[in-house]
PDB file of N, CA and C in Angstrom:
ATOM      1  N   MET A   1       0.822  -1.187   0.000  1.00  0.00           N
ATOM      2  CA  MET A   1       0.000   0.000   0.000  1.00  0.00           C
ATOM      3  C   MET A   1       0.861   1.243   0.000  1.00  0.00           C
ATOM      4  N   ARG A   2       0.311   2.205  -0.522  1.00  0.00           N
ATOM      5  CA  ARG A   2       1.058   3.435  -0.632  1.00  0.00           C
ATOM      6  C   ARG A   2       0.659   4.392   0.497  1.00  0.00           C
ATOM      7  N   SER A   3       1.615   5.097   1.047  1.00  0.00           N
ATOM      8  CA  SER A   3       1.328   6.045   2.126  1.00  0.00           C
ATOM      9  C   SER A   3       1.098   7.419   1.524  1.00  0.00           C
ATOM     10  N   GLY A   4      -0.149   7.824   1.444  1.00  0.00           N
ATOM     11  CA  GLY A   4      -0.492   9.099   0.825  1.00  0.00           C
ATOM     12  C   GLY A   4      -0.744  10.173   1.877  1.00  0.00           C
ATOM     13  N   ARG A   5      -1.127  11.314   1.422  1.00  0.00           N
ATOM     14  CA  ARG A   5      -1.384  12.434   2.335  1.00  0.00           C
ATOM     15  C   ARG A   5      -2.699  12.265   3.092  1.00  0.00           C
ATOM     16  N   ASN A   6      -3.597  11.467   2.613  1.00  0.00           N
ATOM     17  CA  ASN A   6      -4.880  11.288   3.272  1.00  0.00           C
ATOM     18  C   ASN A   6      -4.757  10.516   4.576  1.00  0.00           C
ATOM     19  N   ARG A   7      -3.691   9.779   4.724  1.00  0.00           N
ATOM     20  CA  ARG A   7      -3.500   8.965   5.913  1.00  0.00           C
ATOM     21  C   ARG A   7      -2.764   9.790   6.983  1.00  0.00           C
ATOM     22  N   PRO A   8      -3.359   9.969   8.188  1.00  0.00           N
ATOM     23  CA  PRO A   8      -2.701  10.793   9.213  1.00  0.00           C
ATOM     24  C   PRO A   8      -1.505  10.067   9.828  1.00  0.00           C
ATOM     25  N   ASP A   9      -0.486  10.841  10.130  1.00  0.00           N
ATOM     26  CA  ASP A   9       0.677  10.286  10.824  1.00  0.00           C
ATOM     27  C   ASP A   9       0.341  10.054  12.289  1.00  0.00           C
ATOM     28  N   LYS A  10       1.177   9.300  12.979  1.00  0.00           N
ATOM     29  CA  LYS A  10       0.961   9.040  14.399  1.00  0.00           C
ATOM     30  C   LYS A  10       1.072  10.332  15.211  1.00  0.00           C
ATOM     31  N   GLN A  11       1.959  11.209  14.791  1.00  0.00           N
ATOM     32  CA  GLN A  11       2.164  12.460  15.514  1.00  0.00           C
ATOM     33  C   GLN A  11       0.924  13.358  15.408  1.00  0.00           C
ATOM     34  N   GLU A  12       0.254  13.358  14.291  1.00  0.00           N
ATOM     35  CA  GLU A  12      -0.942  14.168  14.121  1.00  0.00           C
ATOM     36  C   GLU A  12      -2.101  13.642  14.963  1.00  0.00           C
ATOM     37  N   GLU A  13      -2.154  12.341  15.173  1.00  0.00           N
ATOM     38  CA  GLU A  13      -3.217  11.769  15.988  1.00  0.00           C
ATOM     39  C   GLU A  13      -3.076  12.187  17.448  1.00  0.00           C
ATOM     40  N   ILE A  14      -1.848  12.322  17.927  1.00  0.00           N
ATOM     41  CA  ILE A  14      -1.597  12.668  19.318  1.00  0.00           C
ATOM     42  C   ILE A  14      -1.855  14.151  19.573  1.00  0.00           C
ATOM     43  N   MET A  15      -1.448  15.011  18.670  1.00  0.00           N
ATOM     44  CA  MET A  15      -1.580  16.455  18.864  1.00  0.00           C
ATOM     45  C   MET A  15      -3.043  16.890  18.724  1.00  0.00           C
ATOM     46  N   GLU A  16      -3.441  17.814  19.571  1.00  0.00           N
ATOM     47  CA  GLU A  16      -4.777  18.365  19.488  1.00  0.00           C
ATOM     48  C   GLU A  16      -4.797  19.475  18.454  1.00  0.00           C
ATOM     49  N   LYS A  17      -5.963  19.701  17.919  1.00  0.00           N
ATOM     50  CA  LYS A  17      -6.109  20.748  16.924  1.00  0.00           C
ATOM     51  C   LYS A  17      -6.116  22.098  17.636  1.00  0.00           C
ATOM     52  N   TYR A  18      -5.382  23.067  17.120  1.00  0.00           N
ATOM     53  CA  TYR A  18      -5.307  24.394  17.740  1.00  0.00           C
ATOM     54  C   TYR A  18      -6.567  25.176  17.408  1.00  0.00           C
ATOM     55  N   ILE A  19      -7.194  25.720  18.459  1.00  0.00           N
ATOM     56  CA  ILE A  19      -8.371  26.566  18.301  1.00  0.00           C
ATOM     57  C   ILE A  19      -8.073  27.892  18.993  1.00  0.00           C
ATOM     58  N   PRO A  20      -8.285  29.013  18.320  1.00  0.00           N
ATOM     59  CA  PRO A  20      -8.030  30.312  18.955  1.00  0.00           C
ATOM     60  C   PRO A  20      -8.876  30.493  20.217  1.00  0.00           C
ATOM     61  N   TYR A  21      -8.343  31.226  21.157  1.00  0.00           N
ATOM     62  CA  TYR A  21      -8.992  31.410  22.455  1.00  0.00           C
ATOM     63  C   TYR A  21     -10.377  32.043  22.300  1.00  0.00           C
ATOM     64  N   GLU A  22     -10.514  32.973  21.386  1.00  0.00           N
ATOM     65  CA  GLU A  22     -11.774  33.678  21.190  1.00  0.00           C
ATOM     66  C   GLU A  22     -12.886  32.743  20.724  1.00  0.00           C
ATOM     67  N   LYS A  23     -12.510  31.668  20.048  1.00  0.00           N
ATOM     68  CA  LYS A  23     -13.505  30.752  19.500  1.00  0.00           C
ATOM     69  C   LYS A  23     -13.825  29.580  20.436  1.00  0.00           C
ATOM     70  N   LEU A  24     -13.165  29.502  21.571  1.00  0.00           N
ATOM     71  CA  LEU A  24     -13.428  28.414  22.512  1.00  0.00           C
ATOM     72  C   LEU A  24     -14.775  28.623  23.201  1.00  0.00           C
ATOM     73  N   SER A  25     -15.328  27.542  23.716  1.00  0.00           N
ATOM     74  CA  SER A  25     -16.575  27.652  24.471  1.00  0.00           C
ATOM     75  C   SER A  25     -16.278  28.303  25.818  1.00  0.00           C
ATOM     76  N   LYS A  26     -17.326  28.746  26.495  1.00  0.00           N
ATOM     77  CA  LYS A  26     -17.161  29.430  27.777  1.00  0.00           C
ATOM     78  C   LYS A  26     -16.508  28.514  28.805  1.00  0.00           C
ATOM     79  N   LYS A  27     -16.940  27.249  28.859  1.00  0.00           N
ATOM     80  CA  LYS A  27     -16.375  26.296  29.817  1.00  0.00           C
ATOM     81  C   LYS A  27     -14.896  26.042  29.538  1.00  0.00           C
ATOM     82  N   GLU A  28     -14.554  25.914  28.277  1.00  0.00           N
ATOM     83  CA  GLU A  28     -13.155  25.647  27.920  1.00  0.00           C
ATOM     84  C   GLU A  28     -12.274  26.861  28.249  1.00  0.00           C
ATOM     85  N   LYS A  29     -12.799  28.069  28.032  1.00  0.00           N
ATOM     86  CA  LYS A  29     -12.045  29.280  28.403  1.00  0.00           C
ATOM     87  C   LYS A  29     -11.797  29.314  29.907  1.00  0.00           C
ATOM     88  N   GLN A  30     -12.831  28.963  30.693  1.00  0.00           N
ATOM     89  CA  GLN A  30     -12.690  28.961  32.142  1.00  0.00           C
ATOM     90  C   GLN A  30     -11.664  27.933  32.590  1.00  0.00           C
ATOM     91  N   LYS A  31     -11.650  26.760  31.962  1.00  0.00           N
ATOM     92  CA  LYS A  31     -10.664  25.728  32.304  1.00  0.00           C
ATOM     93  C   LYS A  31      -9.250  26.217  32.053  1.00  0.00           C
ATOM     94  N   ARG A  32      -9.046  26.789  30.877  1.00  0.00           N
ATOM     95  CA  ARG A  32      -7.693  27.258  30.534  1.00  0.00           C
ATOM     96  C   ARG A  32      -7.264  28.415  31.411  1.00  0.00           C
ATOM     97  N   SER A  33      -8.174  29.341  31.690  1.00  0.00           N
ATOM     98  CA  SER A  33      -7.834  30.494  32.532  1.00  0.00           C
ATOM     99  C   SER A  33      -7.502  30.057  33.948  1.00  0.00           C
ATOM    100  N   SER A  34      -8.289  29.119  34.505  1.00  0.00           N
ATOM    101  CA  SER A  34      -8.030  28.675  35.876  1.00  0.00           C
ATOM    102  C   SER A  34      -6.724  27.881  35.973  1.00  0.00           C
ATOM    103  N   SER A  35      -6.348  27.185  34.903  1.00  0.00           N
ATOM    104  CA  SER A  35      -5.090  26.437  34.944  1.00  0.00           C
ATOM    105  C   SER A  35      -3.877  27.368  34.919  1.00  0.00           C
ATOM    106  N   LYS A  36      -4.037  28.560  34.336  1.00  0.00           N
ATOM    107  CA  LYS A  36      -2.934  29.522  34.268  1.00  0.00           C
ATOM    108  C   LYS A  36      -2.764  30.298  35.573  1.00  0.00           C
ATOM    109  N   ARG A  37      -3.852  30.436  36.326  1.00  0.00           N
ATOM    110  CA  ARG A  37      -3.781  31.217  37.560  1.00  0.00           C
ATOM    111  C   ARG A  37      -3.041  30.471  38.653  1.00  0.00           C
ATOM    112  N   GLY A  38      -2.324  31.221  39.452  1.00  0.00           N
ATOM    113  CA  GLY A  38      -1.618  30.645  40.592  1.00  0.00           C
ATOM    114  C   GLY A  38      -2.255  31.108  41.879  1.00  0.00           C
ATOM    115  N   THR A  39      -1.660  30.734  43.001  1.00  0.00           N
ATOM    116  CA  THR A  39      -2.173  31.164  44.290  1.00  0.00           C
ATOM    117  C   THR A  39      -1.288  32.270  44.849  1.00  0.00           C
ATOM    118  N   TRP A  40      -1.849  33.047  45.722  1.00  0.00           N
ATOM    119  CA  TRP A  40      -1.102  34.115  46.367  1.00  0.00           C
ATOM    120  C   TRP A  40      -0.356  33.590  47.592  1.00  0.00           C
ATOM    121  N   GLY A  41      -0.671  32.389  48.021  1.00  0.00           N
ATOM    122  CA  GLY A  41      -0.002  31.845  49.199  1.00  0.00           C
ATOM    123  C   GLY A  41      -0.464  32.556  50.455  1.00  0.00           C
ATOM    124  N   ALA A  42       0.465  32.972  51.287  1.00  0.00           N
ATOM    125  CA  ALA A  42       0.137  33.634  52.548  1.00  0.00           C
ATOM    126  C   ALA A  42      -0.116  35.128  52.367  1.00  0.00           C
ATOM    127  N   VAL A  43       0.137  35.668  51.198  1.00  0.00           N
ATOM    128  CA  VAL A  43      -0.006  37.093  50.952  1.00  0.00           C
ATOM    129  C   VAL A  43      -1.459  37.397  50.580  1.00  0.00           C
ATOM    130  N   SER A  44      -2.027  38.422  51.196  1.00  0.00           N
ATOM    131  CA  SER A  44      -3.382  38.854  50.859  1.00  0.00           C
ATOM    132  C   SER A  44      -3.295  39.932  49.788  1.00  0.00           C
ATOM    133  N   PRO A  45      -3.999  39.780  48.664  1.00  0.00           N
ATOM    134  CA  PRO A  45      -3.912  40.768  47.592  1.00  0.00           C
ATOM    135  C   PRO A  45      -4.683  42.050  47.871  1.00  0.00           C
ATOM    136  N   VAL A  46      -5.414  42.108  48.971  1.00  0.00           N
ATOM    137  CA  VAL A  46      -6.211  43.282  49.301  1.00  0.00           C
ATOM    138  C   VAL A  46      -5.300  44.388  49.822  1.00  0.00           C
ATOM    139  N   THR A  47      -5.479  45.583  49.284  1.00  0.00           N
ATOM    140  CA  THR A  47      -4.690  46.723  49.728  1.00  0.00           C
ATOM    141  C   THR A  47      -5.189  47.169  51.095  1.00  0.00           C
ATOM    142  N   ARG A  48      -4.277  47.322  52.041  1.00  0.00           N
ATOM    143  CA  ARG A  48      -4.647  47.732  53.391  1.00  0.00           C
ATOM    144  C   ARG A  48      -4.041  49.103  53.688  1.00  0.00           C
ATOM    145  N   LYS A  49      -4.793  49.892  54.426  1.00  0.00           N
ATOM    146  CA  LYS A  49      -4.268  51.188  54.858  1.00  0.00           C
ATOM    147  C   LYS A  49      -4.806  51.477  56.245  1.00  0.00           C
ATOM    148  N   PRO A  50      -4.105  52.277  57.031  1.00  0.00           N
ATOM    149  CA  PRO A  50      -4.573  52.568  58.390  1.00  0.00           C
ATOM    150  C   PRO A  50      -5.862  53.390  58.352  1.00  0.00           C
ATOM    151  N   ALA A  51      -6.685  53.191  59.362  1.00  0.00           N
ATOM    152  CA  ALA A  51      -7.958  53.916  59.439  1.00  0.00           C
ATOM    153  C   ALA A  51      -7.701  55.394  59.715  1.00  0.00           C
ATOM    154  N   ALA A  52      -8.504  56.248  59.096  1.00  0.00           N
ATOM    155  CA  ALA A  52      -8.377  57.684  59.314  1.00  0.00           C
ATOM    156  C   ALA A  52      -8.877  58.010  60.724  1.00  0.00           C
ATOM    157  N   PRO A  53      -8.112  58.777  61.499  1.00  0.00           N
ATOM    158  CA  PRO A  53      -8.510  59.042  62.889  1.00  0.00           C
ATOM    159  C   PRO A  53      -9.786  59.879  62.994  1.00  0.00           C
ATOM    160  N   LYS A  54     -10.110  60.703  62.012  1.00  0.00           N
ATOM    161  CA  LYS A  54     -11.298  61.550  62.083  1.00  0.00           C
ATOM    162  C   LYS A  54     -12.531  60.867  61.496  1.00  0.00           C
ATOM    163  N   ALA A  55     -12.366  59.717  60.897  1.00  0.00           N
ATOM    164  CA  ALA A  55     -13.497  59.020  60.287  1.00  0.00           C
ATOM    165  C   ALA A  55     -14.398  58.428  61.354  1.00  0.00           C
ATOM    166  N   TYR A  56     -15.679  58.284  61.021  1.00  0.00           N
ATOM    167  CA  TYR A  56     -16.657  57.712  61.951  1.00  0.00           C
ATOM    168  C   TYR A  56     -16.380  56.234  62.136  1.00  0.00           C
ATOM    169  N   ASN A  57     -16.301  55.821  63.409  1.00  0.00           N
ATOM    170  CA  ASN A  57     -16.066  54.416  63.732  1.00  0.00           C
ATOM    171  C   ASN A  57     -17.267  53.920  64.531  1.00  0.00           C
ATOM    172  N   ARG A  58     -18.027  53.010  63.957  1.00  0.00           N
ATOM    173  CA  ARG A  58     -19.256  52.523  64.592  1.00  0.00           C
ATOM    174  C   ARG A  58     -18.972  51.832  65.925  1.00  0.00           C
ATOM    175  N   ARG A  59     -17.908  51.055  65.985  1.00  0.00           N
ATOM    176  CA  ARG A  59     -17.577  50.360  67.241  1.00  0.00           C
ATOM    177  C   ARG A  59     -17.243  51.351  68.354  1.00  0.00           C
ATOM    178  N   LYS A  60     -16.488  52.357  68.017  1.00  0.00           N
ATOM    179  CA  LYS A  60     -16.094  53.345  69.014  1.00  0.00           C
ATOM    180  C   LYS A  60     -17.314  54.159  69.455  1.00  0.00           C
ATOM    181  N   ALA A  61     -18.208  54.459  68.527  1.00  0.00           N
ATOM    182  CA  ALA A  61     -19.390  55.255  68.837  1.00  0.00           C
ATOM    183  C   ALA A  61     -20.330  54.504  69.770  1.00  0.00           C
ATOM    184  N   GLN A  62     -20.391  53.192  69.699  1.00  0.00           N
ATOM    185  CA  GLN A  62     -21.300  52.418  70.532  1.00  0.00           C
ATOM    186  C   GLN A  62     -20.612  51.810  71.748  1.00  0.00           C
ATOM    187  N   SER A  63     -19.360  52.185  71.993  1.00  0.00           N
ATOM    188  CA  SER A  63     -18.632  51.631  73.140  1.00  0.00           C
ATOM    189  C   SER A  63     -19.184  52.133  74.470  1.00  0.00           C
ATOM    190  N   TRP A  64     -19.938  53.248  74.480  1.00  0.00           N
ATOM    191  CA  TRP A  64     -20.505  53.770  75.723  1.00  0.00           C
ATOM    192  C   TRP A  64     -21.510  52.792  76.321  1.00  0.00           C
ATOM    193  N   LYS A  65     -22.100  51.920  75.491  1.00  0.00           N
ATOM    194  CA  LYS A  65     -23.070  50.948  75.991  1.00  0.00           C
ATOM    195  C   LYS A  65     -22.408  49.924  76.918  1.00  0.00           C
ATOM    196  N   LYS A  66     -21.157  49.636  76.686  1.00  0.00           N
ATOM    197  CA  LYS A  66     -20.439  48.671  77.515  1.00  0.00           C
ATOM    198  C   LYS A  66     -20.110  49.250  78.890  1.00  0.00           C
ATOM    199  N   GLU A  67     -19.970  50.554  78.971  1.00  0.00           N
ATOM    200  CA  GLU A  67     -19.599  51.197  80.222  1.00  0.00           C
ATOM    201  C   GLU A  67     -20.768  51.264  81.203  1.00  0.00           C
ATOM    202  N   ILE A  68     -21.996  51.286  80.706  1.00  0.00           N
ATOM    203  CA  ILE A  68     -23.173  51.383  81.573  1.00  0.00           C
ATOM    204  C   ILE A  68     -23.472  50.005  82.156  1.00  0.00           C
ATOM    205  N   PRO A  69     -23.651  49.917  83.500  1.00  0.00           N
ATOM    206  CA  PRO A  69     -24.005  48.622  84.099  1.00  0.00           C
ATOM    207  C   PRO A  69     -25.422  48.230  83.698  1.00  0.00           C
ATOM    208  N   ASN A  70     -25.779  46.977  83.988  1.00  0.00           N
ATOM    209  CA  ASN A  70     -27.118  46.504  83.644  1.00  0.00           C
ATOM    210  C   ASN A  70     -28.170  47.368  84.325  1.00  0.00           C
ATOM    211  N   PRO A  71     -29.205  47.741  83.628  1.00  0.00           N
ATOM    212  CA  PRO A  71     -30.244  48.576  84.239  1.00  0.00           C
ATOM    213  C   PRO A  71     -30.962  47.820  85.353  1.00  0.00           C
ATOM    214  N   VAL A  72     -31.261  48.522  86.436  1.00  0.00           N
ATOM    215  CA  VAL A  72     -31.903  47.927  87.591  1.00  0.00           C
ATOM    216  C   VAL A  72     -33.352  47.583  87.273  1.00  0.00           C
ATOM    217  N   LEU A  73     -33.918  48.230  86.293  1.00  0.00           N
ATOM    218  CA  LEU A  73     -35.316  48.049  85.944  1.00  0.00           C
ATOM    219  C   LEU A  73     -35.650  46.597  85.612  1.00  0.00           C
ATOM    220  N   PHE A  74     -34.751  45.889  84.966  1.00  0.00           N
ATOM    221  CA  PHE A  74     -35.027  44.536  84.516  1.00  0.00           C
ATOM    222  C   PHE A  74     -34.546  43.461  85.492  1.00  0.00           C
ATOM    223  N   ASP A  75     -34.029  43.855  86.671  1.00  0.00           N
ATOM    224  CA  ASP A  75     -33.532  42.888  87.637  1.00  0.00           C
ATOM    225  C   ASP A  75     -34.618  42.356  88.572  1.00  0.00           C
ATOM    226  N   PHE A  76     -35.812  42.925  88.530  1.00  0.00           N
ATOM    227  CA  PHE A  76     -36.876  42.490  89.422  1.00  0.00           C
ATOM    228  C   PHE A  76     -37.441  41.153  88.955  1.00  0.00           C
ATOM    229  N   PRO A  77     -37.705  40.203  89.899  1.00  0.00           N
ATOM    230  CA  PRO A  77     -38.270  38.917  89.501  1.00  0.00           C
ATOM    231  C   PRO A  77     -39.742  39.003  89.137  1.00  0.00           C
ATOM    232  N   ILE A  78     -40.425  40.096  89.533  1.00  0.00           N
ATOM    233  CA  ILE A  78     -41.853  40.236  89.253  1.00  0.00           C
ATOM    234  C   ILE A  78     -42.027  41.173  88.061  1.00  0.00           C
ATOM    235  N   CYS A  79     -42.818  40.747  87.105  1.00  0.00           N
ATOM    236  CA  CYS A  79     -43.103  41.583  85.941  1.00  0.00           C
ATOM    237  C   CYS A  79     -44.567  41.995  85.994  1.00  0.00           C
ATOM    238  N   TYR A  80     -44.857  43.186  85.587  1.00  0.00           N
ATOM    239  CA  TYR A  80     -46.226  43.686  85.595  1.00  0.00           C
ATOM    240  C   TYR A  80     -46.830  43.547  84.212  1.00  0.00           C
ATOM    241  N   ASN A  81     -48.102  43.183  84.204  1.00  0.00           N
ATOM    242  CA  ASN A  81     -48.855  43.059  82.973  1.00  0.00           C
ATOM    243  C   ASN A  81     -49.508  44.413  82.695  1.00  0.00           C
ATOM    244  N   PHE A  82     -50.030  44.613  81.522  1.00  0.00           N
ATOM    245  CA  PHE A  82     -50.657  45.896  81.207  1.00  0.00           C
ATOM    246  C   PHE A  82     -51.962  46.110  81.971  1.00  0.00           C
ATOM    247  N   SER A  83     -52.560  45.036  82.432  1.00  0.00           N
ATOM    248  CA  SER A  83     -53.822  45.169  83.171  1.00  0.00           C
ATOM    249  C   SER A  83     -53.560  45.370  84.664  1.00  0.00           C
ATOM    250  N   ASN A  84     -52.338  45.703  85.062  1.00  0.00           N
ATOM    251  CA  ASN A  84     -51.921  45.986  86.441  1.00  0.00           C
ATOM    252  C   ASN A  84     -52.100  44.786  87.378  1.00  0.00           C
ATOM    253  N   THR A  85     -52.000  43.591  86.888  1.00  0.00           N
ATOM    254  CA  THR A  85     -52.029  42.413  87.749  1.00  0.00           C
ATOM    255  C   THR A  85     -50.614  41.885  87.840  1.00  0.00           C
ATOM    256  N   ILE A  86     -50.256  41.396  88.987  1.00  0.00           N
ATOM    257  CA  ILE A  86     -48.899  40.892  89.212  1.00  0.00           C
ATOM    258  C   ILE A  86     -48.802  39.466  88.678  1.00  0.00           C
ATOM    259  N   VAL A  87     -47.760  39.231  87.895  1.00  0.00           N
ATOM    260  CA  VAL A  87     -47.518  37.910  87.330  1.00  0.00           C
ATOM    261  C   VAL A  87     -46.203  37.406  87.897  1.00  0.00           C
ATOM    262  N   ALA A  88     -46.211  36.233  88.491  1.00  0.00           N
ATOM    263  CA  ALA A  88     -44.982  35.702  89.101  1.00  0.00           C
ATOM    264  C   ALA A  88     -44.266  34.765  88.158  1.00  0.00           C
TER     265      ALA A  88
END
């Protein structure tokens, strides 16, 4: 038999056909993109900066609540109903 051009070589069978990135399906693009990405390791990519001293801080603004002791109003074992009857 004669070996013509119509018969694929072994090397051509192994190699995948090249498809431009723009023409790939969405899933295939995601696979290739995720395989190229690496990890940051212990480094956080988020930019950090110190808090501005004049900026509003919600935690600091509500810290006065911690300084006040428990109100005496709720320490009583007897609670009153709206109809002025004592409930034990």
